[in-house]
Protein backbone atom coordinates (compact mmCIF):
# COMPACT_ATOMS: atom_id res chain seq x y z
CA MET A 1 63.63 -14.97 181.06
CA ASN A 2 64.57 -16.89 184.24
CA ARG A 3 62.37 -17.32 187.23
CA PHE A 4 64.15 -14.64 189.27
CA THR A 5 63.96 -12.10 186.54
CA GLY A 6 60.28 -12.75 186.21
CA ILE A 7 59.81 -12.35 189.97
CA ALA A 8 61.75 -9.10 189.83
CA ILE A 9 59.67 -7.70 187.05
CA VAL A 10 56.44 -8.66 188.85
CA ALA A 11 57.79 -7.00 192.01
CA LEU A 12 58.71 -3.87 190.09
CA VAL A 13 55.29 -3.71 188.46
CA PHE A 14 53.58 -4.25 191.81
CA THR A 15 55.74 -1.51 193.43
CA ALA A 16 55.05 0.89 190.58
CA ASN A 17 51.29 0.25 190.86
CA VAL A 18 51.37 0.79 194.62
CA LEU A 19 53.26 4.10 194.03
CA ILE A 20 50.71 5.19 191.45
CA ILE A 21 47.82 4.28 193.72
CA SER A 22 49.54 6.12 196.67
CA VAL A 23 50.11 9.24 194.53
CA ALA A 24 46.55 9.18 193.23
CA SER A 25 45.24 8.64 196.77
CA ALA A 26 47.33 11.53 198.11
CA ARG A 27 46.06 13.76 195.25
CA ALA A 28 42.46 12.73 195.92
CA GLU A 29 42.79 13.64 199.60
CA ARG A 30 43.95 17.17 198.87
CA PRO A 31 41.00 19.53 199.22
CA ASN A 32 39.69 21.36 196.15
CA VAL A 33 38.96 25.05 196.46
CA VAL A 34 36.10 27.08 194.94
CA ILE A 35 36.08 30.83 195.60
CA VAL A 36 33.02 32.78 194.50
CA MET A 37 33.42 36.54 194.77
CA THR A 38 30.69 38.92 193.57
CA ASP A 39 31.11 42.57 192.59
CA ASP A 40 29.57 45.51 194.45
CA GLN A 41 27.37 43.40 196.66
CA GLY A 42 27.44 44.53 200.25
CA TYR A 43 26.95 42.79 203.54
CA GLY A 44 23.28 43.73 203.64
CA ASP A 45 22.52 42.47 200.11
CA LEU A 46 21.54 39.00 201.29
CA SER A 47 18.37 37.75 202.97
CA CYS A 48 20.45 35.72 205.43
CA THR A 49 22.07 38.93 206.70
CA GLY A 50 18.70 40.66 207.17
CA ASN A 51 17.65 42.14 203.85
CA PRO A 52 13.88 42.42 204.06
CA VAL A 53 13.26 42.58 200.27
CA LEU A 54 15.91 40.53 198.45
CA LYS A 55 15.57 36.72 198.44
CA THR A 56 18.76 34.58 198.22
CA PRO A 57 17.65 31.10 199.34
CA ASN A 58 20.71 29.24 198.02
CA ILE A 59 23.22 31.50 199.66
CA ASP A 60 21.11 31.43 202.80
CA HIS A 61 21.43 27.63 202.71
CA LEU A 62 25.21 27.97 202.37
CA TYR A 63 25.23 30.44 205.19
CA SER A 64 23.34 28.00 207.47
CA GLN A 65 25.96 25.28 206.81
CA SER A 66 29.09 27.49 206.85
CA VAL A 67 31.49 29.07 209.25
CA ARG A 68 31.11 32.81 208.85
CA LEU A 69 33.53 35.68 209.33
CA THR A 70 31.27 38.37 210.81
CA ASP A 71 33.87 41.23 210.87
CA TYR A 72 35.66 40.57 207.60
CA HIS A 73 37.06 43.52 205.69
CA VAL A 74 38.21 44.17 202.18
CA SER A 75 39.14 47.39 200.26
CA PRO A 76 36.35 49.76 199.40
CA THR A 77 36.63 49.20 195.59
CA CYS A 78 37.21 46.41 193.08
CA SER A 79 40.82 46.06 191.92
CA PRO A 80 42.35 46.82 195.37
CA THR A 81 40.36 43.99 197.00
CA ARG A 82 41.34 41.57 194.25
CA SER A 83 45.00 42.41 194.65
CA ALA A 84 44.95 41.70 198.39
CA LEU A 85 42.72 38.67 198.25
CA LEU A 86 44.93 36.96 195.63
CA THR A 87 48.24 37.82 197.17
CA GLY A 88 47.92 38.22 200.97
CA HIS A 89 49.43 41.66 200.71
CA TRP A 90 48.09 45.14 201.45
CA THR A 91 46.62 46.63 198.32
CA ASN A 92 48.98 49.61 198.44
CA ARG A 93 51.98 47.20 198.61
CA THR A 94 50.81 45.51 195.35
CA GLY A 95 50.61 48.78 193.33
CA VAL A 96 46.84 48.45 192.99
CA TRP A 97 45.12 51.36 194.59
CA HIS A 98 42.82 52.45 191.81
CA THR A 99 40.59 50.77 189.22
CA ILE A 100 41.84 52.66 186.16
CA MET A 101 44.78 54.84 185.10
CA GLY A 102 47.35 52.07 185.10
CA ARG A 103 46.85 51.62 188.84
CA SER A 104 44.85 48.45 188.52
CA MET A 105 47.74 46.35 187.31
CA LEU A 106 49.18 43.83 189.83
CA ARG A 107 52.94 44.31 190.13
CA GLU A 108 54.90 41.59 188.43
CA ASN A 109 56.75 40.69 191.64
CA GLU A 110 53.51 39.71 193.35
CA VAL A 111 52.80 36.01 193.67
CA THR A 112 49.13 35.09 193.28
CA VAL A 113 47.05 32.26 194.79
CA GLY A 114 46.85 30.83 191.28
CA LYS A 115 50.66 30.63 191.01
CA ILE A 116 50.95 29.16 194.55
CA PHE A 117 48.41 26.40 193.91
CA SER A 118 49.81 25.74 190.48
CA ASP A 119 53.32 25.32 191.91
CA ASN A 120 51.91 22.88 194.39
CA GLY A 121 50.36 20.58 191.78
CA TYR A 122 46.84 22.02 191.52
CA LYS A 123 45.08 22.94 188.30
CA THR A 124 43.79 26.45 188.44
CA GLY A 125 40.95 28.25 186.71
CA MET A 126 39.81 31.89 186.73
CA PHE A 127 36.33 32.85 185.45
CA GLY A 128 34.72 36.28 185.14
CA LYS A 129 36.26 39.53 186.41
CA TRP A 130 40.07 39.83 186.73
CA HIS A 131 40.61 43.59 186.78
CA LEU A 132 44.31 43.36 187.53
CA GLY A 133 45.58 44.09 184.08
CA ASP A 134 44.71 43.13 180.51
CA ASN A 135 48.26 42.91 179.10
CA HIS A 136 51.37 40.87 179.74
CA PRO A 137 52.58 40.34 182.42
CA TYR A 138 49.42 41.12 184.32
CA ARG A 139 46.77 38.83 182.84
CA PRO A 140 45.50 35.83 184.83
CA GLU A 141 47.21 33.43 182.35
CA ASP A 142 50.48 35.21 183.25
CA ARG A 143 49.84 34.81 186.96
CA GLY A 144 49.44 31.10 187.50
CA PHE A 145 46.01 30.30 186.13
CA ASP A 146 45.77 27.39 183.68
CA GLU A 147 42.24 27.99 182.42
CA VAL A 148 40.82 31.50 181.96
CA MET A 149 37.50 32.86 180.81
CA ARG A 150 37.14 36.56 181.39
CA HIS A 151 35.94 39.89 180.23
CA GLY A 152 38.30 42.81 179.85
CA GLY A 153 38.80 45.69 182.23
CA GLY A 154 36.66 46.16 185.33
CA GLY A 155 33.35 45.21 183.76
CA VAL A 156 31.55 44.08 180.70
CA GLY A 157 31.44 46.99 178.25
CA GLN A 158 34.44 48.81 179.70
CA THR A 159 37.14 50.04 177.25
CA PRO A 160 39.43 46.98 177.39
CA ASP A 161 36.46 44.60 176.88
CA PHE A 162 35.52 43.15 173.52
CA TRP A 163 33.77 45.86 171.57
CA ASP A 164 29.97 46.24 172.11
CA ASN A 165 29.78 43.68 174.88
CA ALA A 166 26.74 44.26 177.10
CA TYR A 167 26.08 41.40 179.63
CA PHE A 168 24.24 39.20 177.04
CA ASP A 169 25.68 37.16 174.17
CA GLY A 170 29.05 38.86 174.10
CA SER A 171 32.61 37.69 173.47
CA TYR A 172 35.10 36.96 176.29
CA TRP A 173 38.69 36.03 176.36
CA HIS A 174 39.01 32.29 176.64
CA ASN A 175 42.63 31.44 177.28
CA GLY A 176 43.60 34.68 175.53
CA THR A 177 41.29 34.22 172.44
CA PRO A 178 38.06 36.29 172.05
CA THR A 179 35.34 33.67 172.07
CA PRO A 180 31.62 34.33 171.32
CA VAL A 181 29.18 33.10 173.96
CA ASN A 182 25.42 32.85 174.34
CA GLY A 183 23.51 33.91 177.42
CA PHE A 184 23.84 36.25 180.42
CA CYS A 185 27.40 36.84 181.57
CA THR A 186 27.11 35.33 185.08
CA ASP A 187 25.56 32.13 183.60
CA VAL A 188 28.49 31.88 181.16
CA PHE A 189 31.21 32.26 183.84
CA PHE A 190 29.62 29.60 186.11
CA ASP A 191 29.13 27.31 183.14
CA TYR A 192 32.82 27.51 182.18
CA ALA A 193 33.78 26.95 185.79
CA LYS A 194 31.73 23.78 185.90
CA ARG A 195 33.32 22.51 182.70
CA PHE A 196 36.76 23.12 184.26
CA ILE A 197 35.85 21.38 187.51
CA LYS A 198 34.39 18.37 185.66
CA SER A 199 37.48 17.99 183.52
CA LYS A 200 39.77 18.12 186.56
CA LYS A 201 37.68 15.60 188.40
CA SER A 202 37.85 13.28 185.44
CA ALA A 203 41.64 13.65 185.33
CA GLY A 204 41.88 13.01 189.13
CA GLU A 205 43.53 16.36 189.62
CA PRO A 206 42.99 18.78 192.57
CA PHE A 207 41.74 22.13 191.48
CA LEU A 208 41.28 25.78 192.46
CA ALA A 209 38.35 27.51 190.74
CA TYR A 210 38.18 31.28 191.22
CA ILE A 211 34.82 32.55 190.04
CA ALA A 212 34.67 36.33 190.24
CA THR A 213 31.45 37.68 188.76
CA ASN A 214 31.17 41.22 187.31
CA ALA A 215 27.53 41.19 188.60
CA PRO A 216 25.91 43.05 190.33
CA HIS A 217 28.31 45.80 189.25
CA GLY A 218 26.73 48.41 186.98
CA PRO A 219 25.52 49.06 184.38
CA MET A 220 22.39 47.41 185.75
CA HIS A 221 21.55 44.73 183.24
CA CYS A 222 19.63 41.62 184.20
CA PRO A 223 17.41 38.90 182.72
CA GLU A 224 13.93 40.28 183.12
CA SER A 225 12.65 37.21 184.94
CA TYR A 226 15.08 38.05 187.80
CA SER A 227 14.49 41.78 188.02
CA ALA A 228 10.66 41.46 187.76
CA PRO A 229 10.10 40.48 191.48
CA TYR A 230 11.76 43.74 192.52
CA LYS A 231 10.22 46.20 190.04
CA ASP A 232 8.61 48.20 192.82
CA GLN A 233 12.10 49.15 194.00
CA GLY A 234 12.75 51.20 190.85
CA ALA A 235 14.78 50.06 187.77
CA ASN A 236 18.25 50.48 189.28
CA VAL A 237 17.64 48.47 192.44
CA ALA A 238 15.41 45.95 190.64
CA ASN A 239 18.20 45.05 188.26
CA PHE A 240 20.76 45.13 191.03
CA PHE A 241 18.74 42.73 193.11
CA GLY A 242 17.87 40.71 190.03
CA MET A 243 21.56 40.16 189.28
CA ILE A 244 22.04 38.96 192.86
CA ALA A 245 19.04 36.57 192.53
CA ASN A 246 20.68 35.20 189.42
CA ILE A 247 24.03 34.75 191.25
CA ASP A 248 22.01 32.97 193.96
CA ASP A 249 20.57 30.51 191.41
CA ASN A 250 23.98 29.92 189.95
CA ILE A 251 25.52 29.18 193.35
CA GLY A 252 22.75 26.78 194.00
CA SER A 253 23.27 25.12 190.75
CA LEU A 254 27.06 24.93 191.34
CA ARG A 255 26.65 23.36 194.71
CA LYS A 256 24.23 20.76 193.34
CA PHE A 257 26.75 20.06 190.60
CA LEU A 258 29.49 19.51 193.25
CA ASP A 259 27.08 17.16 195.13
CA ASP A 260 26.32 15.23 191.95
CA GLU A 261 30.06 14.96 191.08
CA GLY A 262 30.83 13.70 194.61
CA LEU A 263 33.07 16.70 195.31
CA THR A 264 31.30 18.62 198.06
CA GLU A 265 32.78 16.73 200.97
CA ASN A 266 36.38 17.72 200.26
CA THR A 267 35.91 21.07 198.56
CA ILE A 268 36.61 24.31 200.45
CA PHE A 269 33.78 26.47 199.16
CA ILE A 270 34.11 30.24 199.83
CA PHE A 271 31.52 32.91 199.18
CA THR A 272 32.43 36.57 199.55
CA THR A 273 32.18 40.00 197.83
CA ASP A 274 34.70 42.61 196.78
CA ASN A 275 33.43 45.81 198.64
CA GLY A 276 30.43 47.41 200.14
CA THR A 277 27.10 47.76 198.27
CA SER A 278 26.84 50.11 195.29
CA SER A 279 23.10 50.22 195.09
CA GLY A 280 21.35 48.36 197.89
CA ASP A 281 21.98 50.66 200.85
CA GLY A 282 18.71 52.48 200.45
CA VAL A 283 16.81 49.26 201.16
CA PHE A 284 19.08 47.69 203.82
CA ASN A 285 22.71 48.21 204.87
CA ALA A 286 22.92 46.12 208.03
CA GLY A 287 23.09 49.31 210.19
CA MET A 288 26.36 50.34 208.67
CA ARG A 289 27.56 53.75 207.63
CA GLY A 290 28.78 54.20 204.06
CA LYS A 291 28.80 52.18 200.86
CA LYS A 292 31.17 51.30 198.06
CA GLY A 293 34.19 53.62 198.17
CA SER A 294 33.72 54.65 201.75
CA GLU A 295 36.20 54.40 204.56
CA TYR A 296 33.35 53.60 206.91
CA ASP A 297 32.31 49.94 207.47
CA GLY A 298 29.62 50.07 204.80
CA GLY A 299 32.34 50.43 202.29
CA HIS A 300 34.47 47.41 203.22
CA ARG A 301 32.86 45.08 205.74
CA VAL A 302 31.46 42.22 203.58
CA PRO A 303 30.23 38.60 203.92
CA PHE A 304 32.62 35.67 204.00
CA PHE A 305 31.22 32.13 204.37
CA VAL A 306 33.24 28.89 204.19
CA HIS A 307 31.91 25.33 203.94
CA TRP A 308 34.28 22.36 203.96
CA PRO A 309 32.80 19.16 205.46
CA ALA A 310 36.02 17.09 205.36
CA GLY A 311 37.81 19.85 207.27
CA GLY A 312 35.13 20.27 209.84
CA VAL A 313 34.28 23.72 208.64
CA THR A 314 30.51 23.44 208.89
CA GLY A 315 27.64 24.01 211.28
CA GLY A 316 26.53 27.63 210.97
CA ARG A 317 29.05 29.05 213.38
CA ASP A 318 30.22 32.70 213.57
CA ILE A 319 33.79 33.96 213.98
CA ASP A 320 33.75 37.45 215.48
CA PRO A 321 37.41 38.74 215.71
CA ILE A 322 38.37 41.11 212.95
CA THR A 323 39.77 39.52 209.77
CA ALA A 324 40.56 40.68 206.21
CA HIS A 325 41.21 39.81 202.58
CA VAL A 326 44.96 39.54 203.26
CA ASP A 327 44.27 36.49 205.47
CA VAL A 328 42.75 34.34 202.69
CA VAL A 329 45.98 33.17 201.04
CA PRO A 330 47.81 32.24 204.26
CA THR A 331 44.69 30.36 205.40
CA LEU A 332 44.39 28.45 202.18
CA ILE A 333 48.06 27.53 202.25
CA ASP A 334 47.58 26.22 205.77
CA TRP A 335 44.46 24.25 204.98
CA CYS A 336 45.80 22.70 201.79
CA LYS A 337 49.27 22.09 203.25
CA LEU A 338 50.98 23.97 200.39
CA ASN A 339 54.54 25.24 200.26
CA SER A 340 54.56 28.94 200.67
CA PRO A 341 56.36 30.92 197.90
CA ALA A 342 60.00 31.49 198.64
CA GLY A 343 60.87 34.88 200.08
CA VAL A 344 57.23 36.07 200.46
CA ARG A 345 56.10 37.51 203.80
CA PHE A 346 52.35 37.83 203.98
CA ASP A 347 50.57 40.79 205.56
CA GLY A 348 47.76 38.55 206.61
CA VAL A 349 47.70 35.56 208.86
CA SER A 350 46.26 32.01 208.72
CA LEU A 351 42.78 31.96 210.32
CA VAL A 352 42.86 28.15 210.74
CA PRO A 353 42.96 28.41 214.56
CA LEU A 354 39.75 30.48 214.42
CA PHE A 355 38.06 28.11 212.04
CA ASN A 356 39.13 25.14 214.23
CA ASP A 357 37.87 26.95 217.23
CA SER A 358 41.30 26.38 218.86
CA ALA A 359 42.52 29.97 219.18
CA THR A 360 42.73 30.39 222.94
CA ARG A 361 44.62 33.71 222.85
CA TRP A 362 43.90 35.36 219.52
CA PRO A 363 45.72 38.79 219.37
CA ASP A 364 43.90 42.09 219.16
CA ARG A 365 44.92 42.77 215.59
CA MET A 366 45.18 46.11 213.82
CA LEU A 367 44.28 46.18 210.09
CA ILE A 368 44.11 49.02 207.53
CA THR A 369 41.92 49.68 204.54
CA ASP A 370 41.69 52.82 202.39
CA SER A 371 40.18 54.08 199.16
CA GLN A 372 42.76 56.00 197.20
CA ARG A 373 41.43 56.22 193.62
CA VAL A 374 44.14 58.68 192.61
CA LYS A 375 47.28 58.50 190.54
CA ASP A 376 49.53 58.42 193.60
CA PRO A 377 48.54 57.55 197.21
CA ILE A 378 47.81 60.29 199.66
CA LYS A 379 48.47 59.70 203.38
CA TRP A 380 45.23 59.15 205.44
CA LYS A 381 43.03 59.49 202.35
CA ASN A 382 39.71 57.74 203.00
CA SER A 383 41.33 55.36 205.48
CA SER A 384 40.32 53.24 208.38
CA VAL A 385 42.62 51.71 210.98
CA MET A 386 40.64 48.90 212.57
CA THR A 387 40.64 46.57 215.55
CA THR A 388 37.78 44.42 216.61
CA ARG A 389 36.51 47.22 218.81
CA TRP A 390 37.87 50.46 217.21
CA ARG A 391 37.84 52.31 213.94
CA LEU A 392 40.14 55.35 213.33
CA CYS A 393 38.89 56.96 210.18
CA ASN A 394 41.00 59.53 208.28
CA GLY A 395 43.30 59.90 211.23
CA LYS A 396 40.69 62.07 213.02
CA GLN A 397 37.44 60.16 213.85
CA LEU A 398 37.43 57.30 216.39
CA PHE A 399 34.39 55.09 216.69
CA ASP A 400 33.70 52.46 219.40
CA MET A 401 32.11 49.65 217.46
CA ASN A 402 30.87 47.93 220.64
CA SER A 403 28.54 50.81 221.40
CA ASP A 404 28.27 52.58 218.08
CA PRO A 405 28.37 50.11 215.15
CA GLY A 406 26.80 52.76 212.88
CA GLN A 407 29.82 55.00 213.33
CA LYS A 408 27.90 58.12 214.33
CA ILE A 409 29.71 59.38 217.38
CA ASN A 410 33.39 60.51 217.20
CA VAL A 411 35.00 59.65 220.56
CA ALA A 412 38.58 60.60 219.66
CA SER A 413 38.82 63.18 222.42
CA ASP A 414 37.70 60.62 225.01
CA HIS A 415 40.35 58.04 224.04
CA PRO A 416 43.61 59.75 223.07
CA GLU A 417 45.63 56.64 223.98
CA VAL A 418 43.63 54.60 221.47
CA VAL A 419 44.12 57.33 218.74
CA ALA A 420 47.86 57.38 219.43
CA ARG A 421 48.16 53.58 219.23
CA LEU A 422 46.29 53.32 216.00
CA THR A 423 48.03 56.33 214.53
CA LYS A 424 51.40 54.86 215.22
CA PHE A 425 50.43 51.68 213.52
CA TYR A 426 49.26 53.61 210.44
CA ASP A 427 52.40 55.81 210.45
CA ASP A 428 54.65 52.75 210.55
CA TRP A 429 52.60 51.05 207.79
CA TRP A 430 52.81 54.13 205.57
CA THR A 431 56.53 54.55 206.16
CA GLU A 432 57.12 50.94 205.09
CA LEU A 433 55.02 51.16 201.96
CA GLU A 434 55.62 54.68 200.67
CA PRO A 435 58.96 53.93 198.94
CA THR A 436 57.20 51.37 196.78
CA PHE A 437 54.60 53.81 195.33
CA SER A 438 56.99 54.98 192.59
CA GLN A 439 57.35 51.36 191.27
CA SER A 440 54.97 51.83 188.40
CA THR A 441 53.74 48.87 186.40
CA ALA A 442 54.53 48.73 182.66
CA ILE A 443 52.77 46.93 179.81
CA SER A 444 55.09 44.57 177.89
CA LEU A 445 55.81 45.34 174.24
CA GLY A 446 57.35 42.60 172.10
CA HIS A 447 56.98 39.72 174.63
CA PRO A 448 56.49 36.33 172.94
CA ASP A 449 53.61 35.53 175.28
CA ASP A 450 51.71 38.61 174.01
CA GLU A 451 53.08 39.15 170.53
CA ARG A 452 50.63 41.86 169.57
CA ALA A 453 49.96 43.99 172.67
CA ARG A 454 46.49 45.71 172.77
CA LEU A 455 46.60 48.93 174.67
CA THR A 456 43.46 50.93 175.64
CA SER A 457 42.61 54.36 177.14
CA HIS A 458 41.41 52.54 180.27
CA ASP A 459 45.10 52.32 181.32
CA TRP A 460 46.16 55.89 180.33
CA ILE A 461 48.03 57.49 183.25
CA THR A 462 46.75 60.97 183.96
CA THR A 463 45.86 63.08 186.94
CA ARG A 464 42.24 63.16 185.81
CA MET A 465 39.61 60.67 184.56
CA THR A 466 40.31 58.45 181.58
CA PRO A 467 37.87 57.02 179.02
CA TRP A 468 37.43 53.78 180.92
CA ASN A 469 34.17 52.63 179.30
CA GLN A 470 33.00 52.19 175.71
CA SER A 471 30.33 54.93 176.08
CA GLN A 472 33.07 57.46 176.75
CA VAL A 473 35.16 56.15 173.87
CA ARG A 474 32.09 56.34 171.62
CA ALA A 475 31.42 59.96 172.66
CA ALA A 476 35.10 60.93 172.21
CA MET A 477 35.54 62.68 175.52
CA ASN A 478 36.85 66.16 174.90
CA GLY A 479 39.44 68.22 176.86
CA ASP A 480 42.26 67.17 179.11
CA GLU A 481 40.70 63.83 179.96
CA ASN A 482 41.03 62.79 176.33
CA THR A 483 44.77 62.16 176.43
CA GLY A 484 47.26 60.28 178.58
CA PHE A 485 50.25 57.98 178.45
CA TRP A 486 50.95 54.33 179.07
CA ASN A 487 53.89 52.99 180.93
CA VAL A 488 55.49 50.39 178.64
CA ASN A 489 58.38 47.91 178.77
CA VAL A 490 60.06 47.32 175.47
CA THR A 491 61.17 43.78 176.18
CA SER A 492 63.83 43.61 173.47
CA ALA A 493 65.30 46.10 171.02
CA GLY A 494 64.14 46.00 167.40
CA ILE A 495 61.77 47.29 164.79
CA TYR A 496 58.22 47.61 166.03
CA GLU A 497 54.97 48.08 164.23
CA VAL A 498 52.75 50.52 166.16
CA VAL A 499 49.18 50.90 165.06
CA LEU A 500 46.98 53.75 166.33
CA ARG A 501 43.21 53.38 166.12
CA ARG A 502 40.16 55.38 167.10
CA TRP A 503 38.07 52.23 167.05
CA PRO A 504 39.35 48.74 168.09
CA SER A 505 40.51 46.31 165.44
CA GLU A 506 37.34 44.22 165.79
CA VAL A 507 35.45 47.24 164.47
CA ASP A 508 36.06 47.75 160.70
CA ARG A 509 35.43 51.45 160.69
CA ALA A 510 37.43 54.53 159.79
CA ILE A 511 38.87 57.09 162.23
CA ASP A 512 36.42 59.72 160.92
CA ASP A 513 33.40 57.34 160.84
CA SER A 514 30.44 57.81 163.11
CA ILE A 515 28.94 54.61 164.56
CA PRO A 516 25.24 54.11 165.25
CA PRO A 517 24.02 53.19 168.69
CA GLY A 518 24.22 49.50 169.60
CA GLU A 519 21.26 47.35 170.55
CA PRO A 520 19.71 47.78 174.02
CA VAL A 521 19.63 44.99 176.61
CA PRO A 522 17.31 44.50 179.49
CA GLY A 523 17.88 47.08 182.21
CA GLN A 524 19.88 50.31 182.28
CA ARG A 525 21.13 52.01 179.15
CA ALA A 526 24.06 50.03 177.80
CA TYR A 527 27.44 51.61 177.08
CA ARG A 528 26.98 50.60 173.44
CA GLU A 529 23.87 52.68 173.08
CA THR A 530 25.89 55.88 172.93
CA PRO A 531 26.26 57.02 169.26
CA GLY A 532 29.86 56.79 168.09
CA LYS A 533 31.39 60.21 167.23
CA PRO A 534 33.78 60.65 164.29
CA VAL A 535 37.27 62.11 164.88
CA ALA A 536 38.22 64.12 161.85
CA ALA A 537 41.92 63.62 162.19
CA VAL A 538 44.37 65.04 159.80
CA LYS A 539 47.52 63.91 161.61
CA ALA A 540 48.61 61.22 163.95
CA ASN A 541 51.48 61.33 166.43
CA VAL A 542 53.26 58.66 168.38
CA ARG A 543 55.96 58.80 171.01
CA ILE A 544 57.70 55.90 172.68
CA GLY A 545 60.45 57.20 174.99
CA ASP A 546 62.67 59.43 172.82
CA VAL A 547 61.34 58.00 169.59
CA THR A 548 58.75 60.12 167.88
CA ALA A 549 56.91 59.97 164.55
CA SER A 550 54.02 61.74 162.76
CA ALA A 551 51.92 60.86 159.78
CA ASP A 552 49.11 62.43 157.82
CA VAL A 553 45.64 60.91 158.08
CA SER A 554 43.41 60.70 155.01
CA PRO A 555 39.57 60.60 155.08
CA GLY A 556 38.34 57.06 155.42
CA GLN A 557 41.55 55.75 156.94
CA LYS A 558 40.99 53.12 159.57
CA GLU A 559 44.36 53.09 161.26
CA VAL A 560 47.79 54.66 161.24
CA VAL A 561 50.79 52.36 161.05
CA PHE A 562 54.24 53.30 162.09
CA GLU A 563 57.52 51.39 162.03
CA LEU A 564 59.86 52.42 164.83
CA LYS A 565 63.24 51.34 165.91
CA LEU A 566 63.03 50.99 169.67
CA PRO A 567 65.68 50.31 172.32
CA ALA A 568 64.88 47.89 175.10
CA GLY A 569 63.71 49.20 178.51
CA LYS A 570 60.91 50.81 180.43
CA THR A 571 59.55 54.10 179.14
CA THR A 572 56.31 55.86 178.28
CA MET A 573 54.15 55.78 175.19
CA THR A 574 51.51 58.23 173.77
CA GLY A 575 49.44 58.15 170.65
CA THR A 576 47.31 61.08 169.47
CA PHE A 577 45.02 62.17 166.63
CA VAL A 578 44.94 65.91 165.72
CA THR A 579 42.14 67.60 163.78
CA ALA A 580 42.39 70.53 161.35
CA ASN A 581 41.28 72.94 164.05
CA GLY A 582 43.85 71.72 166.55
CA GLU A 583 41.64 69.37 168.68
CA VAL A 584 43.75 66.54 170.19
CA PHE A 585 42.25 63.09 170.82
CA GLY A 586 44.16 60.23 172.39
CA SER A 587 44.45 57.05 170.41
CA TYR A 588 41.88 55.00 172.43
CA PHE A 589 43.36 51.81 171.06
CA ALA A 590 46.97 50.97 170.05
CA TYR A 591 48.47 47.72 168.90
CA VAL A 592 52.22 47.06 169.11
CA LYS A 593 54.27 44.06 167.87
CA ARG A 594 57.90 43.49 167.24
CA LEU A 595 58.72 42.78 163.58
CA VAL A 596 61.04 39.80 162.83
CA ARG A 597 63.07 40.29 159.64
């Protein structure tokens, strides 16, 4: 090696090291993001917003340090809020306007915040309640999240969840694999989030951690040490408040963890909830009308606190103009200087000017929320068209929030021009979205990322109720509600194995077996405490598109297995069991995989 070659090598090594340091420095400067969203906790279910009974000291401390959106709105129920929060699109645009019946699956064309951050070099984690689909292509691991620890369906113990889960010591899906855990569900989800955050810090990688608790959603289960201080409120509220107190402790622990890891300064920490209170309104509802599911403010105005010291988002300041869940993704893209997904136009806007206190001429926005909870959306159903001052509910009632925040006095006849303006906005909105309502989501069959699809009655499409929790499955709901169909997408033509079961595969029991009640847990009666009813089936039927098959069922048989030759494409699927006296029960669980021969 000559002198000049040596100098060149040294120069190259020096340059490479500088580049590595520069890249590492740039990554380190990118803010991390933690989003904590609780379930069924309303604006008034915090001591910092005025609750006279509930104590939430850690969230109160966060509140005192944060910038707060005081007029922030979501959807009145679970899945719809999640779809809007994660995509920046109106819930009805995403196909998610219900929590069951196949209407809780986030359309495949939607781009989530997980995908956006992942595409921009972040590591992404999702912990807790997803409730936007349990099958490919709707699971969080299909939507941009690298690390996932979640329960199934809309809550622990619902039909898609691991069998007999009940808030304590269950099994949750860790990166797609059912994994036993110890402890209360909320504690588990925060613990896995901390592990994820620590690993990303060690790797020097920016992260997005989305922690969406199922608590304090019912059934009302809670460690007794947390419910005991509220026992004079009755069992339901005591466990509801107890779950919130447990969340409060977990938030305090998480924030201390971020402090200890040196991450607080450059972490955007968001606390919010998914809809109005389900159970706390009898104690305190912040003067609002309505609760979860309502078109009135009590159903959808919720807390939203942000703390980010490095970004100057601190100091206990309030932002009063109306905002919504559709604004979160555009705001995070702006804050984190991310590339927006190509071809996506958000329904929300970046709130950075409000957070920076630099918005000199913020527009008088109009926003819409509604609670559909039906198979197909109905115009004006449980709807609210909102501005900072006005609420037009159901197209008929107008409320002036400046003088009537409790929405008691309908002033529509006094302000026809306001009614006309808000009605036109809604009509234009509906006209734009209505053509998309027929774009039904379909569960993938035969996809290599989900080789054995697990279908449950939670996602049956009907015009009625479905057996969406394990108590209903155990009881074998009778009548019209006991059957339905799935929308499916056969991803490639071939021979498929289709398995129909009355009990899920993790339960080694026959179709005609009864099952004893499961163990109770602290609080309300658990779904698993319902005795399991046998289905004395003599025949099983399956239909996927134009392909049908039937088979006899023998006593003691655990499942019925069909081999069907299926063409590729979207279609519908049903599976049923029939008894000797003609009773029909839907196959609550079905497993489908493509056979390779």
